Amino acid sequence: MVIAFLGIVGTLVSGLMTQRLAERVKSKELDHSERQRAEERQYEAKRAMAETLRACYVILNTASLDYHSELNNFWYALRAGRVTDDLRSRLDDARREHRARYSEAQMRVPDDVLATVDKVHRGLNRMYGILKRLDGGIPPRREDESLEQVHTQIVTFWDQLGEMRQIMRRSIGVPPEIA
C-alpha cells in the first residue's frame, strides 16, 4: 500500500513538476519575444529618425545651394544693370524656401549641426540684404557692403556651404572617405 501510495503521489508530483517546468519555459520564451519586439521597435524608431534627419539635411542643403546660386545670379545681373522683376522674384522665392527648410532644421537637427546651419543661414541672409539694398539704390552702410565686396563673400561662401555639408554628413554617419 505504501508503495502504491508513493507511486500515485510520484505520478501526481511528476505531472505538476512537468507542468511547472513548461510554464517557466513558456514564460522565458514570452519574455524573450517581448524583449526582441522591443528591440525591433527601438531599431525601427532609430532608423526612421535617421531617415527623417537625412531627408531634412538633403532638403536644407539643396535650399542653401539654390539660395546661394540665386544670390550669385542676382549679383551678376545687378553688376550688369539688368535686374528684372523675374530675378527679384526668383531670389525672394529661394530665400523663402531656405527659410522654411531652416525652420524645419531648427526643430530636427542636433545642436552641433544647428550651429553651422545657423551660420550659413545668417551669411546667406546678410548677402541678400546687401544686394537688395544696392538694388534699391540705398548706399552701403559699411565698407564690406560694396558690390565687389559682396561678390567676394558670395565666392568664398562655398567653403561655409561645404563645411555645413560635411558636418551634416558626419551627423548621419557617412564616412569621410566617401566625400
C-alpha atoms as a PDB file:
ATOM      1  CA  MET A   1       0.000   0.000   0.000  1.00  0.00           C
ATOM      2  CA  VAL A   2       2.810   2.384   0.828  1.00  0.00           C
ATOM      3  CA  ILE A   3       4.452   1.569  -2.475  1.00  0.00           C
ATOM      4  CA  ALA A   4       1.180   2.116  -4.323  1.00  0.00           C
ATOM      5  CA  PHE A   5       0.639   5.374  -2.436  1.00  0.00           C
ATOM      6  CA  LEU A   6       4.162   6.559  -3.291  1.00  0.00           C
ATOM      7  CA  GLY A   7       3.609   5.575  -6.917  1.00  0.00           C
ATOM      8  CA  ILE A   8       0.380   7.592  -7.091  1.00  0.00           C
ATOM      9  CA  VAL A   9       1.931  10.587  -5.310  1.00  0.00           C
ATOM     10  CA  GLY A  10       5.026  10.351  -7.538  1.00  0.00           C
ATOM     11  CA  THR A  11       2.878  10.287 -10.653  1.00  0.00           C
ATOM     12  CA  LEU A  12       0.889  13.321  -9.481  1.00  0.00           C
ATOM     13  CA  VAL A  13       4.001  15.231  -8.409  1.00  0.00           C
ATOM     14  CA  SER A  14       5.828  14.473 -11.670  1.00  0.00           C
ATOM     15  CA  GLY A  15       2.848  15.812 -13.642  1.00  0.00           C
ATOM     16  CA  LEU A  16       2.804  19.004 -11.562  1.00  0.00           C
ATOM     17  CA  MET A  17       6.566  19.424 -11.911  1.00  0.00           C
ATOM     18  CA  THR A  18       6.361  18.907 -15.671  1.00  0.00           C
ATOM     19  CA  GLN A  19       3.569  21.465 -15.906  1.00  0.00           C
ATOM     20  CA  ARG A  20       5.515  23.936 -13.748  1.00  0.00           C
ATOM     21  CA  LEU A  21       8.659  23.482 -15.842  1.00  0.00           C
ATOM     22  CA  ALA A  22       6.646  24.001 -19.052  1.00  0.00           C
ATOM     23  CA  GLU A  23       5.179  27.218 -17.587  1.00  0.00           C
ATOM     24  CA  ARG A  24       8.673  28.512 -16.777  1.00  0.00           C
ATOM     25  CA  VAL A  25       9.940  27.708 -20.273  1.00  0.00           C
ATOM     26  CA  LYS A  26       6.894  29.373 -21.820  1.00  0.00           C
ATOM     27  CA  SER A  27       7.361  32.431 -19.580  1.00  0.00           C
ATOM     28  CA  LYS A  28      11.012  32.728 -20.629  1.00  0.00           C
ATOM     29  CA  GLU A  29      10.029  32.404 -24.283  1.00  0.00           C
ATOM     30  CA  LEU A  30       7.424  35.162 -23.885  1.00  0.00           C
ATOM     31  CA  ASP A  31       9.927  37.418 -22.108  1.00  0.00           C
ATOM     32  CA  HIS A  32      12.470  36.807 -24.846  1.00  0.00           C
ATOM     33  CA  SER A  33       9.896  37.519 -27.560  1.00  0.00           C
ATOM     34  CA  GLU A  34       8.827  40.722 -25.831  1.00  0.00           C
ATOM     35  CA  ARG A  35      12.444  41.886 -25.486  1.00  0.00           C
ATOM     36  CA  GLN A  36      13.053  41.086 -29.134  1.00  0.00           C
ATOM     37  CA  ARG A  37       9.957  43.035 -30.223  1.00  0.00           C
ATOM     38  CA  ALA A  38      11.028  45.986 -28.051  1.00  0.00           C
ATOM     39  CA  GLU A  39      14.500  45.926 -29.624  1.00  0.00           C
ATOM     40  CA  GLU A  40      12.958  45.782 -33.101  1.00  0.00           C
ATOM     41  CA  ARG A  41      10.671  48.737 -32.296  1.00  0.00           C
ATOM     42  CA  GLN A  42      13.640  50.686 -30.941  1.00  0.00           C
ATOM     43  CA  TYR A  43      15.708  49.866 -34.041  1.00  0.00           C
ATOM     44  CA  GLU A  44      12.875  50.924 -36.350  1.00  0.00           C
ATOM     45  CA  ALA A  45      12.377  54.175 -34.426  1.00  0.00           C
ATOM     46  CA  LYS A  46      16.109  54.963 -34.699  1.00  0.00           C
ATOM     47  CA  ARG A  47      16.111  54.081 -38.392  1.00  0.00           C
ATOM     48  CA  ALA A  48      13.061  56.277 -39.045  1.00  0.00           C
ATOM     49  CA  MET A  49      14.643  59.159 -37.113  1.00  0.00           C
ATOM     50  CA  ALA A  50      17.886  58.792 -39.084  1.00  0.00           C
ATOM     51  CA  GLU A  51      15.973  58.777 -42.368  1.00  0.00           C
ATOM     52  CA  THR A  52      13.979  61.853 -41.352  1.00  0.00           C
ATOM     53  CA  LEU A  53      17.186  63.641 -40.380  1.00  0.00           C
ATOM     54  CA  ARG A  54      18.867  62.637 -43.646  1.00  0.00           C
ATOM     55  CA  ALA A  55      15.891  63.934 -45.637  1.00  0.00           C
ATOM     56  CA  CYS A  56      15.965  67.192 -43.670  1.00  0.00           C
ATOM     57  CA  TYR A  57      19.678  67.579 -44.454  1.00  0.00           C
ATOM     58  CA  VAL A  58      19.173  66.900 -48.159  1.00  0.00           C
ATOM     59  CA  ILE A  59      16.378  69.446 -48.454  1.00  0.00           C
ATOM     60  CA  LEU A  60      18.236  72.057 -46.402  1.00  0.00           C
ATOM     61  CA  ASN A  61      21.447  71.578 -48.390  1.00  0.00           C
ATOM     62  CA  THR A  62      19.538  71.914 -51.664  1.00  0.00           C
ATOM     63  CA  ALA A  63      17.733  75.052 -50.472  1.00  0.00           C
ATOM     64  CA  SER A  64      21.030  76.575 -49.305  1.00  0.00           C
ATOM     65  CA  LEU A  65      22.714  75.863 -52.640  1.00  0.00           C
ATOM     66  CA  ASP A  66      19.736  77.261 -54.568  1.00  0.00           C
ATOM     67  CA  TYR A  67      19.666  80.411 -52.427  1.00  0.00           C
ATOM     68  CA  HIS A  68      23.406  80.871 -52.926  1.00  0.00           C
ATOM     69  CA  SER A  69      23.060  80.394 -56.697  1.00  0.00           C
ATOM     70  CA  GLU A  70      20.236  82.921 -56.884  1.00  0.00           C
ATOM     71  CA  LEU A  71      22.350  85.408 -54.899  1.00  0.00           C
ATOM     72  CA  ASN A  72      25.153  84.890 -57.395  1.00  0.00           C
ATOM     73  CA  ASN A  73      22.795  85.282 -60.381  1.00  0.00           C
ATOM     74  CA  PHE A  74      21.344  88.436 -58.845  1.00  0.00           C
ATOM     75  CA  TRP A  75      24.816  89.859 -58.261  1.00  0.00           C
ATOM     76  CA  TYR A  76      25.764  89.374 -61.922  1.00  0.00           C
ATOM     77  CA  ALA A  77      22.524  90.999 -63.057  1.00  0.00           C
ATOM     78  CA  LEU A  78      22.984  93.891 -60.612  1.00  0.00           C
ATOM     79  CA  ARG A  79      26.553  94.456 -61.786  1.00  0.00           C
ATOM     80  CA  ALA A  80      25.382  94.482 -65.421  1.00  0.00           C
ATOM     81  CA  GLY A  81      22.422  96.726 -64.594  1.00  0.00           C
ATOM     82  CA  ARG A  82      19.989  94.069 -65.813  1.00  0.00           C
ATOM     83  CA  VAL A  83      17.994  93.145 -62.736  1.00  0.00           C
ATOM     84  CA  THR A  84      14.479  92.117 -63.705  1.00  0.00           C
ATOM     85  CA  ASP A  85      11.363  91.510 -61.670  1.00  0.00           C
ATOM     86  CA  ASP A  86      11.745  87.819 -62.529  1.00  0.00           C
ATOM     87  CA  LEU A  87      15.235  87.754 -60.959  1.00  0.00           C
ATOM     88  CA  ARG A  88      13.961  89.552 -57.881  1.00  0.00           C
ATOM     89  CA  SER A  89      11.098  87.078 -57.604  1.00  0.00           C
ATOM     90  CA  ARG A  90      13.398  84.064 -58.006  1.00  0.00           C
ATOM     91  CA  LEU A  91      15.745  85.413 -55.332  1.00  0.00           C
ATOM     92  CA  ASP A  92      12.853  86.043 -52.953  1.00  0.00           C
ATOM     93  CA  ASP A  93      11.447  82.553 -53.628  1.00  0.00           C
ATOM     94  CA  ALA A  94      14.846  80.981 -52.907  1.00  0.00           C
ATOM     95  CA  ARG A  95      15.057  82.985 -49.692  1.00  0.00           C
ATOM     96  CA  ARG A  96      11.584  81.856 -48.579  1.00  0.00           C
ATOM     97  CA  GLU A  97      12.347  78.216 -49.400  1.00  0.00           C
ATOM     98  CA  HIS A  98      15.601  78.381 -47.490  1.00  0.00           C
ATOM     99  CA  ARG A  99      13.874  79.988 -44.504  1.00  0.00           C
ATOM    100  CA  ALA A 100      11.263  77.200 -44.475  1.00  0.00           C
ATOM    101  CA  ARG A 101      13.952  74.492 -44.572  1.00  0.00           C
ATOM    102  CA  TYR A 102      15.982  76.309 -41.922  1.00  0.00           C
ATOM    103  CA  SER A 103      12.922  76.493 -39.657  1.00  0.00           C
ATOM    104  CA  GLU A 104      12.388  72.766 -40.071  1.00  0.00           C
ATOM    105  CA  ALA A 105      16.047  72.109 -39.291  1.00  0.00           C
ATOM    106  CA  GLN A 106      15.789  74.136 -36.087  1.00  0.00           C
ATOM    107  CA  MET A 107      13.324  71.545 -34.796  1.00  0.00           C
ATOM    108  CA  ARG A 108      15.125  68.426 -36.026  1.00  0.00           C
ATOM    109  CA  VAL A 109      18.894  68.693 -36.144  1.00  0.00           C
ATOM    110  CA  PRO A 110      21.363  68.277 -33.273  1.00  0.00           C
ATOM    111  CA  ASP A 111      22.749  71.441 -31.685  1.00  0.00           C
ATOM    112  CA  ASP A 112      26.281  70.998 -33.055  1.00  0.00           C
ATOM    113  CA  VAL A 113      24.926  70.802 -36.618  1.00  0.00           C
ATOM    114  CA  LEU A 114      22.461  73.627 -35.980  1.00  0.00           C
ATOM    115  CA  ALA A 115      25.321  75.974 -35.046  1.00  0.00           C
ATOM    116  CA  THR A 116      26.825  75.580 -38.515  1.00  0.00           C
ATOM    117  CA  VAL A 117      23.432  75.682 -40.237  1.00  0.00           C
ATOM    118  CA  ASP A 118      22.668  78.923 -38.393  1.00  0.00           C
ATOM    119  CA  LYS A 119      25.980  80.416 -39.522  1.00  0.00           C
ATOM    120  CA  VAL A 120      25.129  79.575 -43.147  1.00  0.00           C
ATOM    121  CA  HIS A 121      21.598  80.945 -42.773  1.00  0.00           C
ATOM    122  CA  ARG A 122      22.846  84.244 -41.350  1.00  0.00           C
ATOM    123  CA  GLY A 123      25.544  84.552 -44.041  1.00  0.00           C
ATOM    124  CA  LEU A 124      23.108  83.999 -46.892  1.00  0.00           C
ATOM    125  CA  ASN A 125      20.659  86.499 -45.435  1.00  0.00           C
ATOM    126  CA  ARG A 126      23.401  89.081 -44.913  1.00  0.00           C
ATOM    127  CA  MET A 127      24.381  88.868 -48.586  1.00  0.00           C
ATOM    128  CA  TYR A 128      20.695  89.053 -49.552  1.00  0.00           C
ATOM    129  CA  GLY A 129      20.266  92.231 -47.512  1.00  0.00           C
ATOM    130  CA  ILE A 130      23.280  93.895 -49.091  1.00  0.00           C
ATOM    131  CA  LEU A 131      22.193  93.009 -52.632  1.00  0.00           C
ATOM    132  CA  LYS A 132      18.621  94.164 -52.036  1.00  0.00           C
ATOM    133  CA  ARG A 133      19.813  97.483 -50.591  1.00  0.00           C
ATOM    134  CA  LEU A 134      22.159  98.006 -53.540  1.00  0.00           C
ATOM    135  CA  ASP A 135      19.325  97.092 -55.937  1.00  0.00           C
ATOM    136  CA  GLY A 136      17.100  99.644 -54.223  1.00  0.00           C
ATOM    137  CA  GLY A 137      19.714 102.385 -54.616  1.00  0.00           C
ATOM    138  CA  ILE A 138      20.481 102.505 -50.896  1.00  0.00           C
ATOM    139  CA  PRO A 139      24.175 103.241 -50.315  1.00  0.00           C
ATOM    140  CA  PRO A 140      26.279 100.697 -48.388  1.00  0.00           C
ATOM    141  CA  ARG A 141      26.195 101.083 -44.609  1.00  0.00           C
ATOM    142  CA  ARG A 142      29.687  99.646 -44.127  1.00  0.00           C
ATOM    143  CA  GLU A 143      32.877  99.184 -46.105  1.00  0.00           C
ATOM    144  CA  ASP A 144      32.263  95.495 -46.799  1.00  0.00           C
ATOM    145  CA  GLU A 145      28.883  96.172 -48.408  1.00  0.00           C
ATOM    146  CA  SER A 146      30.039  97.249 -51.848  1.00  0.00           C
ATOM    147  CA  LEU A 147      29.123  95.329 -54.971  1.00  0.00           C
ATOM    148  CA  GLU A 148      32.646  93.916 -55.260  1.00  0.00           C
ATOM    149  CA  GLN A 149      32.847  93.021 -51.571  1.00  0.00           C
ATOM    150  CA  VAL A 150      29.558  91.109 -51.675  1.00  0.00           C
ATOM    151  CA  HIS A 151      30.849  89.192 -54.701  1.00  0.00           C
ATOM    152  CA  THR A 152      33.900  88.158 -52.681  1.00  0.00           C
ATOM    153  CA  GLN A 153      31.552  86.997 -49.917  1.00  0.00           C
ATOM    154  CA  ILE A 154      29.460  85.000 -52.405  1.00  0.00           C
ATOM    155  CA  VAL A 155      32.523  83.297 -53.866  1.00  0.00           C
ATOM    156  CA  THR A 156      34.137  82.462 -50.519  1.00  0.00           C
ATOM    157  CA  PHE A 157      30.809  81.289 -49.109  1.00  0.00           C
ATOM    158  CA  TRP A 158      31.280  77.949 -50.872  1.00  0.00           C
ATOM    159  CA  ASP A 159      33.607  77.000 -48.021  1.00  0.00           C
ATOM    160  CA  GLN A 160      30.856  77.525 -45.433  1.00  0.00           C
ATOM    161  CA  LEU A 161      28.405  75.510 -47.523  1.00  0.00           C
ATOM    162  CA  GLY A 162      30.982  72.718 -47.772  1.00  0.00           C
ATOM    163  CA  GLU A 163      31.597  72.807 -44.024  1.00  0.00           C
ATOM    164  CA  MET A 164      27.861  72.578 -43.355  1.00  0.00           C
ATOM    165  CA  ARG A 165      27.543  69.626 -45.722  1.00  0.00           C
ATOM    166  CA  GLN A 166      30.465  67.788 -44.072  1.00  0.00           C
ATOM    167  CA  ILE A 167      29.046  68.303 -40.574  1.00  0.00           C
ATOM    168  CA  MET A 168      25.634  67.057 -41.700  1.00  0.00           C
ATOM    169  CA  ARG A 169      27.239  64.001 -43.328  1.00  0.00           C
ATOM    170  CA  ARG A 170      29.168  63.180 -40.166  1.00  0.00           C
ATOM    171  CA  SER A 171      25.993  63.576 -38.138  1.00  0.00           C
ATOM    172  CA  ILE A 172      24.297  60.771 -40.078  1.00  0.00           C
ATOM    173  CA  GLY A 173      27.369  58.560 -40.130  1.00  0.00           C
ATOM    174  CA  VAL A 174      28.609  58.998 -43.695  1.00  0.00           C
ATOM    175  CA  PRO A 175      32.314  58.115 -43.696  1.00  0.00           C
ATOM    176  CA  PRO A 176      34.600  60.968 -44.810  1.00  0.00           C
ATOM    177  CA  GLU A 177      36.305  58.807 -47.451  1.00  0.00           C
ATOM    178  CA  ILE A 178      33.063  58.734 -49.472  1.00  0.00           C
ATOM    179  CA  ALA A 179      33.123  62.512 -49.814  1.00  0.00           C
END
